[in-house]
Amino acid sequence: MHFEGFTFGSIRIDGVVYTHDLVIDRGEIRKRKKSASKGYRAAGGHTPLSTKEDIPWHCRRLVVGTGAQGALPVMDDVLEEAKRRKVELLRVPTEEAIVVLNGRGEATNAILHLTC
């Protein structure tokens, strides 16, 4: 999987352009379904990443691309669950996440926020 480019609101992976948040789980790409976390939106102005979502935990490292300005909140329950599962959690702006993912090992999954 090769991450070719990121601009606010879109990302190109292996020649395919995506315009929605993504989950990368063991080499498979799917749309992030954030509706389970929408109830927490009022607290921070953004829909945060929470354990209510389908997080790809089957990995040693989970990279969370927090958006162009790094504004995606990651709730404490996600941090605690990562520790419990012994998964290294890396939270960085999406542009930095792409650099990490292009050099990733096979045991790395990701959640990528494409805006803010």
PDB file of N, CA and C in Angstrom:
ATOM      1  N   MET A   1       0.856  -1.165   0.000  1.00  0.00           N
ATOM      2  CA  MET A   1       0.000   0.000   0.000  1.00  0.00           C
ATOM      3  C   MET A   1       0.906   1.233   0.000  1.00  0.00           C
ATOM      4  N   HIS A   2       0.655   2.118  -0.973  1.00  0.00           N
ATOM      5  CA  HIS A   2       1.488   3.315  -1.086  1.00  0.00           C
ATOM      6  C   HIS A   2       0.609   4.560  -0.976  1.00  0.00           C
ATOM      7  N   PHE A   3       0.958   5.396  -0.027  1.00  0.00           N
ATOM      8  CA  PHE A   3       0.253   6.654   0.216  1.00  0.00           C
ATOM      9  C   PHE A   3       0.933   7.721  -0.630  1.00  0.00           C
ATOM     10  N   GLU A   4       0.202   8.215  -1.628  1.00  0.00           N
ATOM     11  CA  GLU A   4       0.805   9.079  -2.628  1.00  0.00           C
ATOM     12  C   GLU A   4       0.595  10.559  -2.391  1.00  0.00           C
ATOM     13  N   GLY A   5      -0.446  10.937  -1.710  1.00  0.00           N
ATOM     14  CA  GLY A   5      -0.663  12.358  -1.517  1.00  0.00           C
ATOM     15  C   GLY A   5      -1.821  12.640  -0.584  1.00  0.00           C
ATOM     16  N   PHE A   6      -1.714  13.748   0.130  1.00  0.00           N
ATOM     17  CA  PHE A   6      -2.766  14.175   1.045  1.00  0.00           C
ATOM     18  C   PHE A   6      -2.952  15.673   0.892  1.00  0.00           C
ATOM     19  N   THR A   7      -4.194  16.082   0.696  1.00  0.00           N
ATOM     20  CA  THR A   7      -4.570  17.486   0.755  1.00  0.00           C
ATOM     21  C   THR A   7      -5.814  17.549   1.624  1.00  0.00           C
ATOM     22  N   PHE A   8      -6.141  18.716   2.107  1.00  0.00           N
ATOM     23  CA  PHE A   8      -7.298  18.873   2.975  1.00  0.00           C
ATOM     24  C   PHE A   8      -8.523  18.241   2.319  1.00  0.00           C
ATOM     25  N   GLY A   9      -9.052  17.188   2.931  1.00  0.00           N
ATOM     26  CA  GLY A   9     -10.260  16.539   2.441  1.00  0.00           C
ATOM     27  C   GLY A   9     -10.078  15.380   1.494  1.00  0.00           C
ATOM     28  N   SER A  10      -8.844  15.068   1.097  1.00  0.00           N
ATOM     29  CA  SER A  10      -8.650  13.910   0.219  1.00  0.00           C
ATOM     30  C   SER A  10      -7.260  13.309   0.394  1.00  0.00           C
ATOM     31  N   ILE A  11      -7.203  12.032   0.049  1.00  0.00           N
ATOM     32  CA  ILE A  11      -5.941  11.298   0.114  1.00  0.00           C
ATOM     33  C   ILE A  11      -5.917  10.315  -1.051  1.00  0.00           C
ATOM     34  N   ARG A  12      -4.733  10.081  -1.603  1.00  0.00           N
ATOM     35  CA  ARG A  12      -4.577   9.112  -2.686  1.00  0.00           C
ATOM     36  C   ARG A  12      -3.742   7.943  -2.162  1.00  0.00           C
ATOM     37  N   ILE A  13      -4.303   6.742  -2.310  1.00  0.00           N
ATOM     38  CA  ILE A  13      -3.624   5.515  -1.899  1.00  0.00           C
ATOM     39  C   ILE A  13      -3.659   4.556  -3.080  1.00  0.00           C
ATOM     40  N   ASP A  14      -2.495   4.127  -3.530  1.00  0.00           N
ATOM     41  CA  ASP A  14      -2.387   3.213  -4.678  1.00  0.00           C
ATOM     42  C   ASP A  14      -3.203   3.702  -5.869  1.00  0.00           C
ATOM     43  N   GLY A  15      -3.164   5.016  -6.113  1.00  0.00           N
ATOM     44  CA  GLY A  15      -3.831   5.589  -7.265  1.00  0.00           C
ATOM     45  C   GLY A  15      -5.312   5.883  -7.092  1.00  0.00           C
ATOM     46  N   VAL A  16      -5.890   5.505  -5.956  1.00  0.00           N
ATOM     47  CA  VAL A  16      -7.311   5.735  -5.694  1.00  0.00           C
ATOM     48  C   VAL A  16      -7.451   6.924  -4.750  1.00  0.00           C
ATOM     49  N   VAL A  17      -8.334   7.865  -5.106  1.00  0.00           N
ATOM     50  CA  VAL A  17      -8.560   9.047  -4.274  1.00  0.00           C
ATOM     51  C   VAL A  17      -9.755   8.787  -3.358  1.00  0.00           C
ATOM     52  N   TYR A  18      -9.562   9.064  -2.069  1.00  0.00           N
ATOM     53  CA  TYR A  18     -10.614   8.930  -1.062  1.00  0.00           C
ATOM     54  C   TYR A  18     -10.920  10.319  -0.513  1.00  0.00           C
ATOM     55  N   THR A  19     -12.208  10.602  -0.271  1.00  0.00           N
ATOM     56  CA  THR A  19     -12.605  11.913   0.232  1.00  0.00           C
ATOM     57  C   THR A  19     -13.367  11.805   1.549  1.00  0.00           C
ATOM     58  N   HIS A  20     -13.127  10.745   2.275  1.00  0.00           N
ATOM     59  CA  HIS A  20     -13.744  10.545   3.589  1.00  0.00           C
ATOM     60  C   HIS A  20     -12.708   9.927   4.513  1.00  0.00           C
ATOM     61  N   ASP A  21     -12.948  10.034   5.811  1.00  0.00           N
ATOM     62  CA  ASP A  21     -12.036   9.436   6.785  1.00  0.00           C
ATOM     63  C   ASP A  21     -11.936   7.937   6.524  1.00  0.00           C
ATOM     64  N   LEU A  22     -10.755   7.386   6.782  1.00  0.00           N
ATOM     65  CA  LEU A  22     -10.483   5.986   6.474  1.00  0.00           C
ATOM     66  C   LEU A  22     -10.040   5.195   7.687  1.00  0.00           C
ATOM     67  N   VAL A  23     -10.299   3.894   7.612  1.00  0.00           N
ATOM     68  CA  VAL A  23      -9.742   2.921   8.543  1.00  0.00           C
ATOM     69  C   VAL A  23      -8.948   1.940   7.683  1.00  0.00           C
ATOM     70  N   ILE A  24      -7.710   1.686   8.073  1.00  0.00           N
ATOM     71  CA  ILE A  24      -6.885   0.709   7.379  1.00  0.00           C
ATOM     72  C   ILE A  24      -6.640  -0.428   8.362  1.00  0.00           C
ATOM     73  N   ASP A  25      -7.162  -1.586   8.007  1.00  0.00           N
ATOM     74  CA  ASP A  25      -7.129  -2.750   8.891  1.00  0.00           C
ATOM     75  C   ASP A  25      -6.509  -3.928   8.154  1.00  0.00           C
ATOM     76  N   ARG A  26      -5.270  -4.238   8.503  1.00  0.00           N
ATOM     77  CA  ARG A  26      -4.536  -5.351   7.911  1.00  0.00           C
ATOM     78  C   ARG A  26      -4.550  -5.305   6.389  1.00  0.00           C
ATOM     79  N   GLY A  27      -4.291  -4.111   5.852  1.00  0.00           N
ATOM     80  CA  GLY A  27      -4.188  -3.932   4.411  1.00  0.00           C
ATOM     81  C   GLY A  27      -5.495  -3.636   3.699  1.00  0.00           C
ATOM     82  N   GLU A  28      -6.612  -3.700   4.381  1.00  0.00           N
ATOM     83  CA  GLU A  28      -7.914  -3.396   3.798  1.00  0.00           C
ATOM     84  C   GLU A  28      -8.315  -1.968   4.167  1.00  0.00           C
ATOM     85  N   ILE A  29      -8.877  -1.244   3.206  1.00  0.00           N
ATOM     86  CA  ILE A  29      -9.301   0.137   3.428  1.00  0.00           C
ATOM     87  C   ILE A  29     -10.822   0.185   3.489  1.00  0.00           C
ATOM     88  N   ARG A  30     -11.341   0.888   4.508  1.00  0.00           N
ATOM     89  CA  ARG A  30     -12.788   1.080   4.600  1.00  0.00           C
ATOM     90  C   ARG A  30     -13.065   2.485   5.131  1.00  0.00           C
ATOM     91  N   LYS A  31     -14.283   2.938   4.938  1.00  0.00           N
ATOM     92  CA  LYS A  31     -14.700   4.242   5.429  1.00  0.00           C
ATOM     93  C   LYS A  31     -14.833   4.192   6.951  1.00  0.00           C
ATOM     94  N   ARG A  32     -14.359   5.243   7.594  1.00  0.00           N
ATOM     95  CA  ARG A  32     -14.543   5.365   9.052  1.00  0.00           C
ATOM     96  C   ARG A  32     -16.014   5.682   9.321  1.00  0.00           C
ATOM     97  N   LYS A  33     -16.628   4.860  10.129  1.00  0.00           N
ATOM     98  CA  LYS A  33     -18.023   5.077  10.519  1.00  0.00           C
ATOM     99  C   LYS A  33     -18.016   5.701  11.907  1.00  0.00           C
ATOM    100  N   LYS A  34     -18.103   7.022  11.937  1.00  0.00           N
ATOM    101  CA  LYS A  34     -17.955   7.753  13.189  1.00  0.00           C
ATOM    102  C   LYS A  34     -19.270   8.023  13.898  1.00  0.00           C
ATOM    103  N   SER A  35     -20.373   7.508  13.374  1.00  0.00           N
ATOM    104  CA  SER A  35     -21.682   7.795  13.968  1.00  0.00           C
ATOM    105  C   SER A  35     -21.762   7.351  15.433  1.00  0.00           C
ATOM    106  N   ALA A  36     -21.079   6.284  15.796  1.00  0.00           N
ATOM    107  CA  ALA A  36     -21.102   5.815  17.183  1.00  0.00           C
ATOM    108  C   ALA A  36     -20.469   6.815  18.141  1.00  0.00           C
ATOM    109  N   SER A  37     -19.608   7.689  17.633  1.00  0.00           N
ATOM    110  CA  SER A  37     -18.920   8.679  18.469  1.00  0.00           C
ATOM    111  C   SER A  37     -19.591  10.049  18.430  1.00  0.00           C
ATOM    112  N   LYS A  38     -20.597  10.232  17.606  1.00  0.00           N
ATOM    113  CA  LYS A  38     -21.219  11.560  17.438  1.00  0.00           C
ATOM    114  C   LYS A  38     -21.803  12.117  18.732  1.00  0.00           C
ATOM    115  N   GLY A  39     -22.203  11.268  19.647  1.00  0.00           N
ATOM    116  CA  GLY A  39     -22.744  11.745  20.917  1.00  0.00           C
ATOM    117  C   GLY A  39     -21.740  12.525  21.742  1.00  0.00           C
ATOM    118  N   TYR A  40     -20.459  12.382  21.455  1.00  0.00           N
ATOM    119  CA  TYR A  40     -19.406  13.085  22.192  1.00  0.00           C
ATOM    120  C   TYR A  40     -18.995  14.386  21.506  1.00  0.00           C
ATOM    121  N   ARG A  41     -19.608  14.695  20.382  1.00  0.00           N
ATOM    122  CA  ARG A  41     -19.194  15.847  19.579  1.00  0.00           C
ATOM    123  C   ARG A  41     -19.324  17.180  20.302  1.00  0.00           C
ATOM    124  N   ALA A  42     -20.392  17.385  21.051  1.00  0.00           N
ATOM    125  CA  ALA A  42     -20.638  18.673  21.706  1.00  0.00           C
ATOM    126  C   ALA A  42     -19.508  19.090  22.633  1.00  0.00           C
ATOM    127  N   ALA A  43     -18.866  18.141  23.245  1.00  0.00           N
ATOM    128  CA  ALA A  43     -17.807  18.439  24.211  1.00  0.00           C
ATOM    129  C   ALA A  43     -16.608  19.121  23.562  1.00  0.00           C
ATOM    130  N   GLY A  44     -16.283  18.781  22.306  1.00  0.00           N
ATOM    131  CA  GLY A  44     -15.080  19.342  21.713  1.00  0.00           C
ATOM    132  C   GLY A  44     -15.280  20.020  20.376  1.00  0.00           C
ATOM    133  N   GLY A  45     -16.511  20.050  19.859  1.00  0.00           N
ATOM    134  CA  GLY A  45     -16.750  20.680  18.576  1.00  0.00           C
ATOM    135  C   GLY A  45     -16.451  19.787  17.385  1.00  0.00           C
ATOM    136  N   HIS A  46     -15.784  18.665  17.594  1.00  0.00           N
ATOM    137  CA  HIS A  46     -15.476  17.688  16.557  1.00  0.00           C
ATOM    138  C   HIS A  46     -15.994  16.337  17.029  1.00  0.00           C
ATOM    139  N   THR A  47     -16.267  15.448  16.087  1.00  0.00           N
ATOM    140  CA  THR A  47     -16.611  14.078  16.466  1.00  0.00           C
ATOM    141  C   THR A  47     -15.298  13.373  16.797  1.00  0.00           C
ATOM    142  N   PRO A  48     -15.083  13.028  18.057  1.00  0.00           N
ATOM    143  CA  PRO A  48     -13.815  12.424  18.458  1.00  0.00           C
ATOM    144  C   PRO A  48     -13.740  10.949  18.071  1.00  0.00           C
ATOM    145  N   LEU A  49     -12.567  10.387  18.192  1.00  0.00           N
ATOM    146  CA  LEU A  49     -12.391   8.945  18.064  1.00  0.00           C
ATOM    147  C   LEU A  49     -12.649   8.342  19.436  1.00  0.00           C
ATOM    148  N   SER A  50     -13.601   7.425  19.513  1.00  0.00           N
ATOM    149  CA  SER A  50     -13.922   6.760  20.779  1.00  0.00           C
ATOM    150  C   SER A  50     -13.944   5.253  20.567  1.00  0.00           C
ATOM    151  N   THR A  51     -13.957   4.521  21.648  1.00  0.00           N
ATOM    152  CA  THR A  51     -14.001   3.055  21.549  1.00  0.00           C
ATOM    153  C   THR A  51     -15.358   2.546  21.093  1.00  0.00           C
ATOM    154  N   LYS A  52     -16.328   3.424  20.942  1.00  0.00           N
ATOM    155  CA  LYS A  52     -17.629   3.016  20.397  1.00  0.00           C
ATOM    156  C   LYS A  52     -17.512   2.670  18.911  1.00  0.00           C
ATOM    157  N   GLU A  53     -16.456   3.157  18.259  1.00  0.00           N
ATOM    158  CA  GLU A  53     -16.235   2.885  16.838  1.00  0.00           C
ATOM    159  C   GLU A  53     -15.544   1.533  16.650  1.00  0.00           C
ATOM    160  N   ASP A  54     -15.549   1.068  15.414  1.00  0.00           N
ATOM    161  CA  ASP A  54     -14.888  -0.184  15.049  1.00  0.00           C
ATOM    162  C   ASP A  54     -13.403   0.109  14.798  1.00  0.00           C
ATOM    163  N   ILE A  55     -12.629   0.087  15.859  1.00  0.00           N
ATOM    164  CA  ILE A  55     -11.197   0.402  15.790  1.00  0.00           C
ATOM    165  C   ILE A  55     -10.430  -0.865  15.413  1.00  0.00           C
ATOM    166  N   PRO A  56      -9.479  -0.771  14.484  1.00  0.00           N
ATOM    167  CA  PRO A  56      -8.735  -1.956  14.040  1.00  0.00           C
ATOM    168  C   PRO A  56      -7.633  -2.351  15.033  1.00  0.00           C
ATOM    169  N   TRP A  57      -8.019  -3.009  16.091  1.00  0.00           N
ATOM    170  CA  TRP A  57      -7.095  -3.337  17.182  1.00  0.00           C
ATOM    171  C   TRP A  57      -6.150  -4.498  16.869  1.00  0.00           C
ATOM    172  N   HIS A  58      -6.369  -5.244  15.820  1.00  0.00           N
ATOM    173  CA  HIS A  58      -5.529  -6.410  15.529  1.00  0.00           C
ATOM    174  C   HIS A  58      -4.210  -5.968  14.902  1.00  0.00           C
ATOM    175  N   CYS A  59      -3.347  -5.403  15.739  1.00  0.00           N
ATOM    176  CA  CYS A  59      -2.067  -4.868  15.279  1.00  0.00           C
ATOM    177  C   CYS A  59      -1.162  -4.659  16.494  1.00  0.00           C
ATOM    178  N   ARG A  60       0.087  -4.322  16.204  1.00  0.00           N
ATOM    179  CA  ARG A  60       1.018  -3.934  17.272  1.00  0.00           C
ATOM    180  C   ARG A  60       1.078  -2.424  17.413  1.00  0.00           C
ATOM    181  N   ARG A  61       0.793  -1.718  16.282  1.00  0.00           N
ATOM    182  CA  ARG A  61       0.821  -0.255  16.304  1.00  0.00           C
ATOM    183  C   ARG A  61      -0.386   0.275  15.536  1.00  0.00           C
ATOM    184  N   LEU A  62      -1.048   1.259  16.141  1.00  0.00           N
ATOM    185  CA  LEU A  62      -2.182   1.928  15.518  1.00  0.00           C
ATOM    186  C   LEU A  62      -1.805   3.389  15.314  1.00  0.00           C
ATOM    187  N   VAL A  63      -1.792   3.824  14.062  1.00  0.00           N
ATOM    188  CA  VAL A  63      -1.473   5.207  13.716  1.00  0.00           C
ATOM    189  C   VAL A  63      -2.790   5.946  13.517  1.00  0.00           C
ATOM    190  N   VAL A  64      -2.970   7.030  14.254  1.00  0.00           N
ATOM    191  CA  VAL A  64      -4.156   7.863  14.104  1.00  0.00           C
ATOM    192  C   VAL A  64      -3.722   9.180  13.487  1.00  0.00           C
ATOM    193  N   GLY A  65      -4.134   9.382  12.230  1.00  0.00           N
ATOM    194  CA  GLY A  65      -3.897  10.654  11.549  1.00  0.00           C
ATOM    195  C   GLY A  65      -4.976  11.613  11.999  1.00  0.00           C
ATOM    196  N   THR A  66      -4.599  12.658  12.707  1.00  0.00           N
ATOM    197  CA  THR A  66      -5.551  13.540  13.376  1.00  0.00           C
ATOM    198  C   THR A  66      -6.006  14.733  12.525  1.00  0.00           C
ATOM    199  N   GLY A  67      -5.759  14.686  11.215  1.00  0.00           N
ATOM    200  CA  GLY A  67      -6.229  15.738  10.322  1.00  0.00           C
ATOM    201  C   GLY A  67      -5.141  16.705   9.909  1.00  0.00           C
ATOM    202  N   ALA A  68      -5.507  17.633   9.035  1.00  0.00           N
ATOM    203  CA  ALA A  68      -4.542  18.593   8.496  1.00  0.00           C
ATOM    204  C   ALA A  68      -3.919  19.459   9.584  1.00  0.00           C
ATOM    205  N   GLN A  69      -4.719  19.889  10.550  1.00  0.00           N
ATOM    206  CA  GLN A  69      -4.199  20.696  11.657  1.00  0.00           C
ATOM    207  C   GLN A  69      -4.103  19.898  12.957  1.00  0.00           C
ATOM    208  N   GLY A  70      -4.335  18.611  12.886  1.00  0.00           N
ATOM    209  CA  GLY A  70      -4.248  17.773  14.091  1.00  0.00           C
ATOM    210  C   GLY A  70      -5.401  17.966  15.048  1.00  0.00           C
ATOM    211  N   ALA A  71      -6.588  18.298  14.532  1.00  0.00           N
ATOM    212  CA  ALA A  71      -7.719  18.652  15.396  1.00  0.00           C
ATOM    213  C   ALA A  71      -8.605  17.489  15.836  1.00  0.00           C
ATOM    214  N   LEU A  72      -8.411  16.283  15.286  1.00  0.00           N
ATOM    215  CA  LEU A  72      -9.257  15.158  15.686  1.00  0.00           C
ATOM    216  C   LEU A  72      -8.962  14.767  17.134  1.00  0.00           C
ATOM    217  N   PRO A  73      -9.955  14.913  18.018  1.00  0.00           N
ATOM    218  CA  PRO A  73      -9.733  14.482  19.401  1.00  0.00           C
ATOM    219  C   PRO A  73      -9.749  12.954  19.499  1.00  0.00           C
ATOM    220  N   VAL A  74      -8.877  12.423  20.317  1.00  0.00           N
ATOM    221  CA  VAL A  74      -8.857  10.996  20.622  1.00  0.00           C
ATOM    222  C   VAL A  74      -9.217  10.876  22.098  1.00  0.00           C
ATOM    223  N   MET A  75     -10.317  10.202  22.380  1.00  0.00           N
ATOM    224  CA  MET A  75     -10.808  10.128  23.755  1.00  0.00           C
ATOM    225  C   MET A  75      -9.903   9.255  24.624  1.00  0.00           C
ATOM    226  N   ASP A  76      -9.932   9.536  25.914  1.00  0.00           N
ATOM    227  CA  ASP A  76      -9.111   8.795  26.867  1.00  0.00           C
ATOM    228  C   ASP A  76      -9.404   7.301  26.843  1.00  0.00           C
ATOM    229  N   ASP A  77     -10.665   6.919  26.550  1.00  0.00           N
ATOM    230  CA  ASP A  77     -10.982   5.489  26.535  1.00  0.00           C
ATOM    231  C   ASP A  77     -10.202   4.756  25.442  1.00  0.00           C
ATOM    232  N   VAL A  78      -9.875   5.438  24.345  1.00  0.00           N
ATOM    233  CA  VAL A  78      -9.074   4.832  23.283  1.00  0.00           C
ATOM    234  C   VAL A  78      -7.637   4.626  23.777  1.00  0.00           C
ATOM    235  N   LEU A  79      -7.103   5.631  24.453  1.00  0.00           N
ATOM    236  CA  LEU A  79      -5.743   5.515  24.996  1.00  0.00           C
ATOM    237  C   LEU A  79      -5.656   4.373  26.002  1.00  0.00           C
ATOM    238  N   GLU A  80      -6.649   4.268  26.864  1.00  0.00           N
ATOM    239  CA  GLU A  80      -6.672   3.206  27.871  1.00  0.00           C
ATOM    240  C   GLU A  80      -6.812   1.831  27.230  1.00  0.00           C
ATOM    241  N   GLU A  81      -7.647   1.719  26.214  1.00  0.00           N
ATOM    242  CA  GLU A  81      -7.841   0.433  25.532  1.00  0.00           C
ATOM    243  C   GLU A  81      -6.570   0.014  24.800  1.00  0.00           C
ATOM    244  N   ALA A  82      -5.873   0.972  24.205  1.00  0.00           N
ATOM    245  CA  ALA A  82      -4.609   0.662  23.537  1.00  0.00           C
ATOM    246  C   ALA A  82      -3.597   0.103  24.544  1.00  0.00           C
ATOM    247  N   LYS A  83      -3.511   0.727  25.709  1.00  0.00           N
ATOM    248  CA  LYS A  83      -2.598   0.221  26.752  1.00  0.00           C
ATOM    249  C   LYS A  83      -2.994  -1.177  27.191  1.00  0.00           C
ATOM    250  N   ARG A  84      -4.289  -1.376  27.398  1.00  0.00           N
ATOM    251  CA  ARG A  84      -4.780  -2.685  27.841  1.00  0.00           C
ATOM    252  C   ARG A  84      -4.441  -3.772  26.817  1.00  0.00           C
ATOM    253  N   ARG A  85      -4.537  -3.433  25.550  1.00  0.00           N
ATOM    254  CA  ARG A  85      -4.267  -4.392  24.479  1.00  0.00           C
ATOM    255  C   ARG A  85      -2.787  -4.462  24.094  1.00  0.00           C
ATOM    256  N   LYS A  86      -1.970  -3.606  24.709  1.00  0.00           N
ATOM    257  CA  LYS A  86      -0.535  -3.522  24.399  1.00  0.00           C
ATOM    258  C   LYS A  86      -0.301  -3.153  22.931  1.00  0.00           C
ATOM    259  N   VAL A  87      -1.094  -2.181  22.465  1.00  0.00           N
ATOM    260  CA  VAL A  87      -0.962  -1.642  21.111  1.00  0.00           C
ATOM    261  C   VAL A  87      -0.343  -0.256  21.227  1.00  0.00           C
ATOM    262  N   GLU A  88       0.747  -0.035  20.525  1.00  0.00           N
ATOM    263  CA  GLU A  88       1.360   1.292  20.491  1.00  0.00           C
ATOM    264  C   GLU A  88       0.429   2.217  19.716  1.00  0.00           C
ATOM    265  N   LEU A  89       0.050   3.321  20.317  1.00  0.00           N
ATOM    266  CA  LEU A  89      -0.850   4.280  19.683  1.00  0.00           C
ATOM    267  C   LEU A  89      -0.067   5.539  19.337  1.00  0.00           C
ATOM    268  N   LEU A  90      -0.021   5.857  18.063  1.00  0.00           N
ATOM    269  CA  LEU A  90       0.700   7.037  17.587  1.00  0.00           C
ATOM    270  C   LEU A  90      -0.319   8.014  17.029  1.00  0.00           C
ATOM    271  N   ARG A  91      -0.432   9.210  17.652  1.00  0.00           N
ATOM    272  CA  ARG A  91      -1.350  10.267  17.207  1.00  0.00           C
ATOM    273  C   ARG A  91      -0.530  11.399  16.615  1.00  0.00           C
ATOM    274  N   VAL A  92      -0.694  11.610  15.317  1.00  0.00           N
ATOM    275  CA  VAL A  92       0.038  12.673  14.620  1.00  0.00           C
ATOM    276  C   VAL A  92      -0.862  13.262  13.534  1.00  0.00           C
ATOM    277  N   PRO A  93      -0.599  14.496  13.099  1.00  0.00           N
ATOM    278  CA  PRO A  93      -1.352  15.030  11.967  1.00  0.00           C
ATOM    279  C   PRO A  93      -1.274  14.062  10.772  1.00  0.00           C
ATOM    280  N   THR A  94      -2.306  14.053   9.957  1.00  0.00           N
ATOM    281  CA  THR A  94      -2.415  13.063   8.884  1.00  0.00           C
ATOM    282  C   THR A  94      -1.220  13.075   7.938  1.00  0.00           C
ATOM    283  N   GLU A  95      -0.686  14.233   7.632  1.00  0.00           N
ATOM    284  CA  GLU A  95       0.481  14.291   6.746  1.00  0.00           C
ATOM    285  C   GLU A  95       1.664  13.504   7.341  1.00  0.00           C
ATOM    286  N   GLU A  96       1.883  13.630   8.640  1.00  0.00           N
ATOM    287  CA  GLU A  96       2.943  12.862   9.309  1.00  0.00           C
ATOM    288  C   GLU A  96       2.591  11.381   9.365  1.00  0.00           C
ATOM    289  N   ALA A  97       1.313  11.077   9.548  1.00  0.00           N
ATOM    290  CA  ALA A  97       0.871   9.679   9.590  1.00  0.00           C
ATOM    291  C   ALA A  97       1.196   8.968   8.281  1.00  0.00           C
ATOM    292  N   ILE A  98       1.039   9.675   7.169  1.00  0.00           N
ATOM    293  CA  ILE A  98       1.333   9.090   5.860  1.00  0.00           C
ATOM    294  C   ILE A  98       2.806   8.714   5.745  1.00  0.00           C
ATOM    295  N   VAL A  99       3.681   9.569   6.251  1.00  0.00           N
ATOM    296  CA  VAL A  99       5.114   9.267   6.229  1.00  0.00           C
ATOM    297  C   VAL A  99       5.378   8.000   7.038  1.00  0.00           C
ATOM    298  N   VAL A 100       4.775   7.915   8.208  1.00  0.00           N
ATOM    299  CA  VAL A 100       4.941   6.725   9.062  1.00  0.00           C
ATOM    300  C   VAL A 100       4.402   5.488   8.345  1.00  0.00           C
ATOM    301  N   LEU A 101       3.236   5.607   7.746  1.00  0.00           N
ATOM    302  CA  LEU A 101       2.598   4.457   7.104  1.00  0.00           C
ATOM    303  C   LEU A 101       3.338   3.987   5.859  1.00  0.00           C
ATOM    304  N   ASN A 102       3.967   4.885   5.138  1.00  0.00           N
ATOM    305  CA  ASN A 102       4.740   4.457   3.969  1.00  0.00           C
ATOM    306  C   ASN A 102       5.940   3.620   4.366  1.00  0.00           C
ATOM    307  N   GLY A 103       6.403   3.744   5.577  1.00  0.00           N
ATOM    308  CA  GLY A 103       7.523   2.938   6.058  1.00  0.00           C
ATOM    309  C   GLY A 103       7.104   1.909   7.087  1.00  0.00           C
ATOM    310  N   ARG A 104       5.806   1.612   7.152  1.00  0.00           N
ATOM    311  CA  ARG A 104       5.250   0.774   8.220  1.00  0.00           C
ATOM    312  C   ARG A 104       5.592  -0.687   8.070  1.00  0.00           C
ATOM    313  N   GLY A 105       5.508  -1.364   9.200  1.00  0.00           N
ATOM    314  CA  GLY A 105       5.586  -2.811   9.196  1.00  0.00           C
ATOM    315  C   GLY A 105       4.203  -3.398   8.970  1.00  0.00           C
ATOM    316  N   GLU A 106       4.134  -4.673   8.802  1.00  0.00           N
ATOM    317  CA  GLU A 106       2.849  -5.311   8.535  1.00  0.00           C
ATOM    318  C   GLU A 106       1.916  -5.286   9.730  1.00  0.00           C
ATOM    319  N   ALA A 107       2.433  -5.057  10.908  1.00  0.00           N
ATOM    320  CA  ALA A 107       1.606  -5.081  12.115  1.00  0.00           C
ATOM    321  C   ALA A 107       1.089  -3.690  12.480  1.00  0.00           C
ATOM    322  N   THR A 108       0.911  -2.814  11.459  1.00  0.00           N
ATOM    323  CA  THR A 108       0.446  -1.456  11.701  1.00  0.00           C
ATOM    324  C   THR A 108      -0.903  -1.235  11.013  1.00  0.00           C
ATOM    325  N   ASN A 109      -1.861  -0.732  11.761  1.00  0.00           N
ATOM    326  CA  ASN A 109      -3.159  -0.324  11.233  1.00  0.00           C
ATOM    327  C   ASN A 109      -3.282   1.183  11.398  1.00  0.00           C
ATOM    328  N   ALA A 110      -4.343   1.765  10.825  1.00  0.00           N
ATOM    329  CA  ALA A 110      -4.470   3.226  10.888  1.00  0.00           C
ATOM    330  C   ALA A 110      -5.920   3.682  10.821  1.00  0.00           C
ATOM    331  N   ILE A 111      -6.123   4.879  11.369  1.00  0.00           N
ATOM    332  CA  ILE A 111      -7.354   5.640  11.209  1.00  0.00           C
ATOM    333  C   ILE A 111      -6.908   7.020  10.749  1.00  0.00           C
ATOM    334  N   LEU A 112      -7.435   7.473   9.606  1.00  0.00           N
ATOM    335  CA  LEU A 112      -6.982   8.734   9.030  1.00  0.00           C
ATOM    336  C   LEU A 112      -8.143   9.714   8.902  1.00  0.00           C
ATOM    337  N   HIS A 113      -7.999  10.864   9.555  1.00  0.00           N
ATOM    338  CA  HIS A 113      -8.949  11.963   9.456  1.00  0.00           C
ATOM    339  C   HIS A 113      -8.452  12.887   8.363  1.00  0.00           C
ATOM    340  N   LEU A 114      -9.318  13.242   7.416  1.00  0.00           N
ATOM    341  CA  LEU A 114      -8.855  13.965   6.230  1.00  0.00           C
ATOM    342  C   LEU A 114      -9.123  15.458   6.223  1.00  0.00           C
ATOM    343  N   THR A 115      -9.856  15.960   7.200  1.00  0.00           N
ATOM    344  CA  THR A 115     -10.074  17.402   7.252  1.00  0.00           C
ATOM    345  C   THR A 115      -9.415  17.952   8.515  1.00  0.00           C
ATOM    346  N   CYS A 116      -9.894  19.023   9.027  1.00  0.00           N
ATOM    347  CA  CYS A 116      -9.354  19.746  10.183  1.00  0.00           C
ATOM    348  C   CYS A 116      -8.223  19.012  10.851  1.00  0.00           C
TER     349      CYS A 116
END
